[in-house]
PDB file of N, CA and C in Angstrom:
ATOM      1  N   UNK A   1       1.002  -1.312   0.081  1.00  0.00           N
ATOM      2  CA  UNK A   1       0.099   0.100  -0.207  1.00  0.00           C
ATOM      3  C   UNK A   1       0.783   1.120  -0.091  1.00  0.00           C
ATOM      4  N   UNK A   2       1.093   2.229  -0.972  1.00  0.00           N
ATOM      5  CA  UNK A   2       1.407   3.251  -0.677  1.00  0.00           C
ATOM      6  C   UNK A   2       1.133   3.957   0.445  1.00  0.00           C
ATOM      7  N   UNK A   3       2.356   4.935   0.682  1.00  0.00           N
ATOM      8  CA  UNK A   3       1.659   5.470   1.982  1.00  0.00           C
ATOM      9  C   UNK A   3       1.208   7.179   1.696  1.00  0.00           C
ATOM     10  N   UNK A   4       0.397   7.652   3.054  1.00  0.00           N
ATOM     11  CA  UNK A   4      -0.269   8.850   2.274  1.00  0.00           C
ATOM     12  C   UNK A   4       0.356   9.909   2.273  1.00  0.00           C
ATOM     13  N   UNK A   5       0.285  10.906   1.793  1.00  0.00           N
ATOM     14  CA  UNK A   5       1.069  12.444   1.905  1.00  0.00           C
ATOM     15  C   UNK A   5       0.452  12.676   3.258  1.00  0.00           C
ATOM     16  N   UNK A   6       1.117  13.937   3.423  1.00  0.00           N
ATOM     17  CA  UNK A   6       1.737  14.314   5.048  1.00  0.00           C
ATOM     18  C   UNK A   6       0.199  15.291   5.292  1.00  0.00           C
ATOM     19  N   UNK A   7      -0.778  15.392   4.278  1.00  0.00           N
ATOM     20  CA  UNK A   7      -1.935  16.239   4.346  1.00  0.00           C
ATOM     21  C   UNK A   7      -3.043  14.842   5.071  1.00  0.00           C
ATOM     22  N   UNK A   8      -2.927  13.691   5.402  1.00  0.00           N
ATOM     23  CA  UNK A   8      -3.553  12.625   6.051  1.00  0.00           C
ATOM     24  C   UNK A   8      -2.960  11.916   7.258  1.00  0.00           C
ATOM     25  N   UNK A   9      -3.775  11.119   8.261  1.00  0.00           N
ATOM     26  CA  UNK A   9      -3.559  10.682   8.984  1.00  0.00           C
ATOM     27  C   UNK A   9      -4.006   9.325   9.209  1.00  0.00           C
ATOM     28  N   UNK A  10      -3.418   8.051   9.722  1.00  0.00           N
ATOM     29  CA  UNK A  10      -3.959   6.989   9.687  1.00  0.00           C
ATOM     30  C   UNK A  10      -4.191   6.701  11.217  1.00  0.00           C
ATOM     31  N   UNK A  11      -5.561   6.739  11.290  1.00  0.00           N
ATOM     32  CA  UNK A  11      -6.045   6.408  12.676  1.00  0.00           C
ATOM     33  C   UNK A  11      -7.521   5.061  12.826  1.00  0.00           C
ATOM     34  N   UNK A  12      -6.635   4.405  13.672  1.00  0.00           N
ATOM     35  CA  UNK A  12      -8.109   2.944  13.274  1.00  0.00           C
ATOM     36  C   UNK A  12      -8.556   2.643  12.149  1.00  0.00           C
ATOM     37  N   UNK A  13      -7.447   2.497  11.739  1.00  0.00           N
ATOM     38  CA  UNK A  13      -7.549   1.564  10.249  1.00  0.00           C
ATOM     39  C   UNK A  13      -7.846   2.480   9.200  1.00  0.00           C
ATOM     40  N   UNK A  14      -8.229   3.960   9.053  1.00  0.00           N
ATOM     41  CA  UNK A  14      -9.037   4.461   7.969  1.00  0.00           C
ATOM     42  C   UNK A  14      -7.934   5.715   7.904  1.00  0.00           C
ATOM     43  N   UNK A  15      -8.609   6.558   6.949  1.00  0.00           N
ATOM     44  CA  UNK A  15      -7.683   7.908   6.423  1.00  0.00           C
ATOM     45  C   UNK A  15      -8.211   8.647   7.097  1.00  0.00           C
ATOM     46  N   UNK A  16      -7.923   9.846   7.924  1.00  0.00           N
ATOM     47  CA  UNK A  16      -8.772  10.951   8.195  1.00  0.00           C
ATOM     48  C   UNK A  16      -7.859  12.513   7.742  1.00  0.00           C
ATOM     49  N   UNK A  17      -8.187  13.253   7.690  1.00  0.00           N
ATOM     50  CA  UNK A  17      -7.370  14.609   7.489  1.00  0.00           C
ATOM     51  C   UNK A  17      -6.626  14.795   8.674  1.00  0.00           C
ATOM     52  N   UNK A  18      -5.620  15.615   8.934  1.00  0.00           N
ATOM     53  CA  UNK A  18      -5.117  15.980   9.808  1.00  0.00           C
ATOM     54  C   UNK A  18      -5.463  16.666  10.495  1.00  0.00           C
ATOM     55  N   UNK A  19      -6.278  17.488  10.291  1.00  0.00           N
ATOM     56  CA  UNK A  19      -6.680  19.023  11.006  1.00  0.00           C
ATOM     57  C   UNK A  19      -8.372  19.228  10.641  1.00  0.00           C
ATOM     58  N   UNK A  20      -8.608  20.315  10.787  1.00  0.00           N
ATOM     59  CA  UNK A  20     -10.081  20.139  10.594  1.00  0.00           C
ATOM     60  C   UNK A  20     -10.026  21.645   9.075  1.00  0.00           C
ATOM     61  N   UNK A  21      -9.131  22.629   9.914  1.00  0.00           N
ATOM     62  CA  UNK A  21      -8.434  23.544   8.510  1.00  0.00           C
ATOM     63  C   UNK A  21      -8.223  22.754   7.424  1.00  0.00           C
ATOM     64  N   UNK A  22      -7.384  21.327   7.712  1.00  0.00           N
ATOM     65  CA  UNK A  22      -6.670  20.853   5.994  1.00  0.00           C
ATOM     66  C   UNK A  22      -8.324  20.545   5.516  1.00  0.00           C
ATOM     67  N   UNK A  23      -8.915  19.860   6.422  1.00  0.00           N
ATOM     68  CA  UNK A  23     -10.523  19.103   5.550  1.00  0.00           C
ATOM     69  C   UNK A  23     -11.357  19.961   5.397  1.00  0.00           C
ATOM     70  N   UNK A  24     -11.008  21.818   5.876  1.00  0.00           N
ATOM     71  CA  UNK A  24     -12.203  22.241   5.132  1.00  0.00           C
ATOM     72  C   UNK A  24     -11.613  23.360   4.430  1.00  0.00           C
ATOM     73  N   UNK A  25     -10.399  22.960   3.472  1.00  0.00           N
ATOM     74  CA  UNK A  25      -9.382  24.215   2.619  1.00  0.00           C
ATOM     75  C   UNK A  25     -10.240  24.256   1.256  1.00  0.00           C
ATOM     76  N   UNK A  26     -11.013  25.034   0.820  1.00  0.00           N
ATOM     77  CA  UNK A  26     -11.899  24.777  -0.518  1.00  0.00           C
ATOM     78  C   UNK A  26     -12.971  24.879  -0.301  1.00  0.00           C
ATOM     79  N   UNK A  27     -13.316  25.103   0.884  1.00  0.00           N
ATOM     80  CA  UNK A  27     -14.951  24.886   1.280  1.00  0.00           C
ATOM     81  C   UNK A  27     -15.458  26.073   1.808  1.00  0.00           C
ATOM     82  N   UNK A  28     -16.028  26.856   1.012  1.00  0.00           N
ATOM     83  CA  UNK A  28     -16.616  28.341   1.302  1.00  0.00           C
ATOM     84  C   UNK A  28     -17.007  28.169   2.671  1.00  0.00           C
ATOM     85  N   UNK A  29     -16.857  29.745   3.373  1.00  0.00           N
ATOM     86  CA  UNK A  29     -17.444  29.747   4.586  1.00  0.00           C
ATOM     87  C   UNK A  29     -19.022  29.636   4.413  1.00  0.00           C
ATOM     88  N   UNK A  30     -19.780  30.060   3.701  1.00  0.00           N
ATOM     89  CA  UNK A  30     -21.093  29.840   3.140  1.00  0.00           C
ATOM     90  C   UNK A  30     -21.305  28.325   3.374  1.00  0.00           C
ATOM     91  N   UNK A  31     -20.763  27.809   2.629  1.00  0.00           N
ATOM     92  CA  UNK A  31     -21.310  25.848   2.748  1.00  0.00           C
ATOM     93  C   UNK A  31     -20.773  25.248   4.039  1.00  0.00           C
ATOM     94  N   UNK A  32     -19.899  25.728   4.545  1.00  0.00           N
ATOM     95  CA  UNK A  32     -19.661  25.359   6.234  1.00  0.00           C
ATOM     96  C   UNK A  32     -20.292  25.622   6.922  1.00  0.00           C
ATOM     97  N   UNK A  33     -20.893  26.706   7.384  1.00  0.00           N
ATOM     98  CA  UNK A  33     -22.341  27.040   7.840  1.00  0.00           C
ATOM     99  C   UNK A  33     -23.497  26.371   7.900  1.00  0.00           C
ATOM    100  N   UNK A  34     -23.903  26.595   6.424  1.00  0.00           N
ATOM    101  CA  UNK A  34     -25.073  25.162   5.900  1.00  0.00           C
ATOM    102  C   UNK A  34     -25.036  24.182   6.542  1.00  0.00           C
ATOM    103  N   UNK A  35     -23.500  23.630   5.882  1.00  0.00           N
ATOM    104  CA  UNK A  35     -23.559  21.968   6.644  1.00  0.00           C
ATOM    105  C   UNK A  35     -23.464  21.841   7.843  1.00  0.00           C
ATOM    106  N   UNK A  36     -23.170  22.497   8.572  1.00  0.00           N
ATOM    107  CA  UNK A  36     -22.569  22.828   9.569  1.00  0.00           C
ATOM    108  C   UNK A  36     -24.023  22.888  10.771  1.00  0.00           C
ATOM    109  N   UNK A  37     -25.135  23.518  10.332  1.00  0.00           N
ATOM    110  CA  UNK A  37     -26.383  23.143  11.252  1.00  0.00           C
ATOM    111  C   UNK A  37     -26.996  22.071  11.475  1.00  0.00           C
ATOM    112  N   UNK A  38     -26.765  20.744  10.639  1.00  0.00           N
ATOM    113  CA  UNK A  38     -26.983  19.678  11.049  1.00  0.00           C
ATOM    114  C   UNK A  38     -26.056  18.539  11.625  1.00  0.00           C
ATOM    115  N   UNK A  39     -25.864  18.156  12.804  1.00  0.00           N
ATOM    116  CA  UNK A  39     -25.189  17.706  13.362  1.00  0.00           C
ATOM    117  C   UNK A  39     -24.825  16.212  12.603  1.00  0.00           C
ATOM    118  N   UNK A  40     -25.652  15.883  11.885  1.00  0.00           N
ATOM    119  CA  UNK A  40     -25.351  14.748  11.211  1.00  0.00           C
ATOM    120  C   UNK A  40     -25.109  14.704   9.775  1.00  0.00           C
ATOM    121  N   UNK A  41     -24.535  15.964   9.207  1.00  0.00           N
ATOM    122  CA  UNK A  41     -24.212  15.891   8.265  1.00  0.00           C
ATOM    123  C   UNK A  41     -22.446  16.572   8.258  1.00  0.00           C
ATOM    124  N   UNK A  42     -21.387  16.387   7.161  1.00  0.00           N
ATOM    125  CA  UNK A  42     -20.113  16.286   7.272  1.00  0.00           C
ATOM    126  C   UNK A  42     -19.850  17.661   6.898  1.00  0.00           C
ATOM    127  N   UNK A  43     -19.564  18.432   7.597  1.00  0.00           N
ATOM    128  CA  UNK A  43     -19.320  20.041   7.067  1.00  0.00           C
ATOM    129  C   UNK A  43     -18.051  20.187   5.887  1.00  0.00           C
ATOM    130  N   UNK A  44     -17.954  19.217   5.297  1.00  0.00           N
ATOM    131  CA  UNK A  44     -17.003  19.138   4.298  1.00  0.00           C
ATOM    132  C   UNK A  44     -17.690  18.958   2.829  1.00  0.00           C
ATOM    133  N   UNK A  45     -18.648  17.817   2.682  1.00  0.00           N
ATOM    134  CA  UNK A  45     -19.281  18.308   1.512  1.00  0.00           C
ATOM    135  C   UNK A  45     -20.383  18.253   1.776  1.00  0.00           C
ATOM    136  N   UNK A  46     -21.669  18.364   2.991  1.00  0.00           N
ATOM    137  CA  UNK A  46     -22.630  18.321   3.551  1.00  0.00           C
ATOM    138  C   UNK A  46     -23.703  17.006   3.192  1.00  0.00           C
ATOM    139  N   UNK A  47     -22.727  15.898   3.349  1.00  0.00           N
ATOM    140  CA  UNK A  47     -23.711  14.604   2.945  1.00  0.00           C
ATOM    141  C   UNK A  47     -23.467  13.950   4.807  1.00  0.00           C
ATOM    142  N   UNK A  48     -24.177  13.091   4.552  1.00  0.00           N
ATOM    143  CA  UNK A  48     -24.621  11.867   6.115  1.00  0.00           C
ATOM    144  C   UNK A  48     -23.338  10.837   5.848  1.00  0.00           C
ATOM    145  N   UNK A  49     -23.465  10.108   7.093  1.00  0.00           N
ATOM    146  CA  UNK A  49     -22.446   8.636   6.869  1.00  0.00           C
ATOM    147  C   UNK A  49     -21.342   8.668   7.200  1.00  0.00           C
ATOM    148  N   UNK A  50     -21.003  10.058   7.431  1.00  0.00           N
ATOM    149  CA  UNK A  50     -19.645  10.339   7.744  1.00  0.00           C
ATOM    150  C   UNK A  50     -19.323  11.638   8.293  1.00  0.00           C
ATOM    151  N   UNK A  51     -18.166  11.603   9.215  1.00  0.00           N
ATOM    152  CA  UNK A  51     -17.598  13.176   9.594  1.00  0.00           C
ATOM    153  C   UNK A  51     -16.434  13.943   9.102  1.00  0.00           C
ATOM    154  N   UNK A  52     -16.538  15.176   8.954  1.00  0.00           N
ATOM    155  CA  UNK A  52     -15.467  15.451   8.555  1.00  0.00           C
ATOM    156  C   UNK A  52     -14.186  15.048   8.404  1.00  0.00           C
ATOM    157  N   UNK A  53     -13.570  14.875   9.627  1.00  0.00           N
ATOM    158  CA  UNK A  53     -12.126  14.150   9.324  1.00  0.00           C
ATOM    159  C   UNK A  53     -12.270  13.284   8.617  1.00  0.00           C
ATOM    160  N   UNK A  54     -13.184  12.185   8.334  1.00  0.00           N
ATOM    161  CA  UNK A  54     -13.106  10.843   7.230  1.00  0.00           C
ATOM    162  C   UNK A  54     -13.680  11.327   5.748  1.00  0.00           C
ATOM    163  N   UNK A  55     -14.184  12.619   5.732  1.00  0.00           N
ATOM    164  CA  UNK A  55     -14.782  12.639   4.181  1.00  0.00           C
ATOM    165  C   UNK A  55     -14.014  12.817   3.502  1.00  0.00           C
ATOM    166  N   UNK A  56     -13.676  11.951   2.258  1.00  0.00           N
ATOM    167  CA  UNK A  56     -13.204  10.922   0.526  1.00  0.00           C
ATOM    168  C   UNK A  56     -14.084  11.760  -0.454  1.00  0.00           C
ATOM    169  N   UNK A  57     -14.577  12.509  -0.245  1.00  0.00           N
ATOM    170  CA  UNK A  57     -15.908  13.584  -1.682  1.00  0.00           C
ATOM    171  C   UNK A  57     -14.977  14.240  -2.486  1.00  0.00           C
ATOM    172  N   UNK A  58     -15.328  14.220  -3.888  1.00  0.00           N
ATOM    173  CA  UNK A  58     -14.508  14.682  -4.483  1.00  0.00           C
ATOM    174  C   UNK A  58     -15.200  16.437  -4.290  1.00  0.00           C
ATOM    175  N   UNK A  59     -16.544  16.126  -4.353  1.00  0.00           N
ATOM    176  CA  UNK A  59     -17.273  17.863  -4.310  1.00  0.00           C
ATOM    177  C   UNK A  59     -17.909  17.855  -3.195  1.00  0.00           C
ATOM    178  N   UNK A  60     -18.584  19.341  -3.226  1.00  0.00           N
ATOM    179  CA  UNK A  60     -19.742  19.258  -1.771  1.00  0.00           C
ATOM    180  C   UNK A  60     -21.079  18.986  -3.047  1.00  0.00           C
ATOM    181  N   UNK A  61     -22.290  19.056  -1.837  1.00  0.00           N
ATOM    182  CA  UNK A  61     -23.453  19.180  -2.281  1.00  0.00           C
ATOM    183  C   UNK A  61     -23.835  19.956  -2.899  1.00  0.00           C
ATOM    184  N   UNK A  62     -23.171  20.874  -2.993  1.00  0.00           N
ATOM    185  CA  UNK A  62     -23.550  22.291  -3.862  1.00  0.00           C
ATOM    186  C   UNK A  62     -22.741  22.019  -5.373  1.00  0.00           C
ATOM    187  N   UNK A  63     -21.959  21.102  -5.503  1.00  0.00           N
ATOM    188  CA  UNK A  63     -20.702  20.724  -6.763  1.00  0.00           C
ATOM    189  C   UNK A  63     -19.320  21.757  -6.523  1.00  0.00           C
ATOM    190  N   UNK A  64     -19.320  22.200  -5.665  1.00  0.00           N
ATOM    191  CA  UNK A  64     -17.777  22.537  -5.104  1.00  0.00           C
ATOM    192  C   UNK A  64     -16.801  21.651  -4.887  1.00  0.00           C
ATOM    193  N   UNK A  65     -15.934  21.973  -6.105  1.00  0.00           N
ATOM    194  CA  UNK A  65     -14.550  20.449  -6.029  1.00  0.00           C
ATOM    195  C   UNK A  65     -13.903  20.689  -4.749  1.00  0.00           C
ATOM    196  N   UNK A  66     -13.738  19.394  -4.034  1.00  0.00           N
ATOM    197  CA  UNK A  66     -12.752  19.365  -2.792  1.00  0.00           C
ATOM    198  C   UNK A  66     -11.398  18.980  -3.410  1.00  0.00           C
ATOM    199  N   UNK A  67     -10.431  19.386  -2.474  1.00  0.00           N
ATOM    200  CA  UNK A  67      -8.850  18.685  -2.304  1.00  0.00           C
ATOM    201  C   UNK A  67      -8.698  17.098  -2.167  1.00  0.00           C
ATOM    202  N   UNK A  68      -8.199  16.248  -2.979  1.00  0.00           N
ATOM    203  CA  UNK A  68      -8.452  15.213  -2.217  1.00  0.00           C
ATOM    204  C   UNK A  68      -7.025  14.583  -2.523  1.00  0.00           C
ATOM    205  N   UNK A  69      -6.103  13.794  -1.515  1.00  0.00           N
ATOM    206  CA  UNK A  69      -4.693  12.946  -1.468  1.00  0.00           C
ATOM    207  C   UNK A  69      -4.599  12.467  -2.204  1.00  0.00           C
ATOM    208  N   UNK A  70      -2.965  12.602  -2.537  1.00  0.00           N
ATOM    209  CA  UNK A  70      -2.399  11.887  -3.526  1.00  0.00           C
ATOM    210  C   UNK A  70      -2.678  10.789  -3.836  1.00  0.00           C
ATOM    211  N   UNK A  71      -3.047   9.722  -2.470  1.00  0.00           N
ATOM    212  CA  UNK A  71      -2.717   8.034  -2.344  1.00  0.00           C
ATOM    213  C   UNK A  71      -4.387   8.322  -2.865  1.00  0.00           C
ATOM    214  N   UNK A  72      -5.574   9.313  -3.325  1.00  0.00           N
ATOM    215  CA  UNK A  72      -6.855   8.945  -3.735  1.00  0.00           C
ATOM    216  C   UNK A  72      -6.888   8.931  -4.988  1.00  0.00           C
ATOM    217  N   UNK A  73      -5.876   9.885  -5.294  1.00  0.00           N
ATOM    218  CA  UNK A  73      -5.975  10.183  -6.790  1.00  0.00           C
ATOM    219  C   UNK A  73      -5.315   8.944  -7.768  1.00  0.00           C
ATOM    220  N   UNK A  74      -4.290   8.227  -7.035  1.00  0.00           N
ATOM    221  CA  UNK A  74      -3.598   7.570  -7.340  1.00  0.00           C
ATOM    222  C   UNK A  74      -4.267   6.121  -8.024  1.00  0.00           C
ATOM    223  N   UNK A  75      -5.463   6.011  -6.675  1.00  0.00           N
ATOM    224  CA  UNK A  75      -6.242   4.613  -6.508  1.00  0.00           C
ATOM    225  C   UNK A  75      -7.361   5.048  -7.731  1.00  0.00           C
ATOM    226  N   UNK A  76      -7.786   6.355  -7.578  1.00  0.00           N
ATOM    227  CA  UNK A  76      -9.032   6.141  -8.581  1.00  0.00           C
ATOM    228  C   UNK A  76      -8.669   6.548 -10.229  1.00  0.00           C
ATOM    229  N   UNK A  77      -7.268   6.910 -10.482  1.00  0.00           N
ATOM    230  CA  UNK A  77      -6.922   7.594 -11.857  1.00  0.00           C
ATOM    231  C   UNK A  77      -6.320   6.442 -12.312  1.00  0.00           C
TER     232      UNK A  77
END
């Protein structure tokens, strides 16, 4: 398995963003506020089923492109 870049941390068998700031990079304040109103939604992409630190989405619910880790891009591409 390829090693993740320094933006990602390995915790309990899953990749996670290293910090909230890294996870939310590129997400507008307006979207963060909208998604943060519902505690079940991820503040990064706005979807349910995971938390901000676990988010692997390529775009937000509104279609904003999100940053991805190099290991994720390599696995998909």
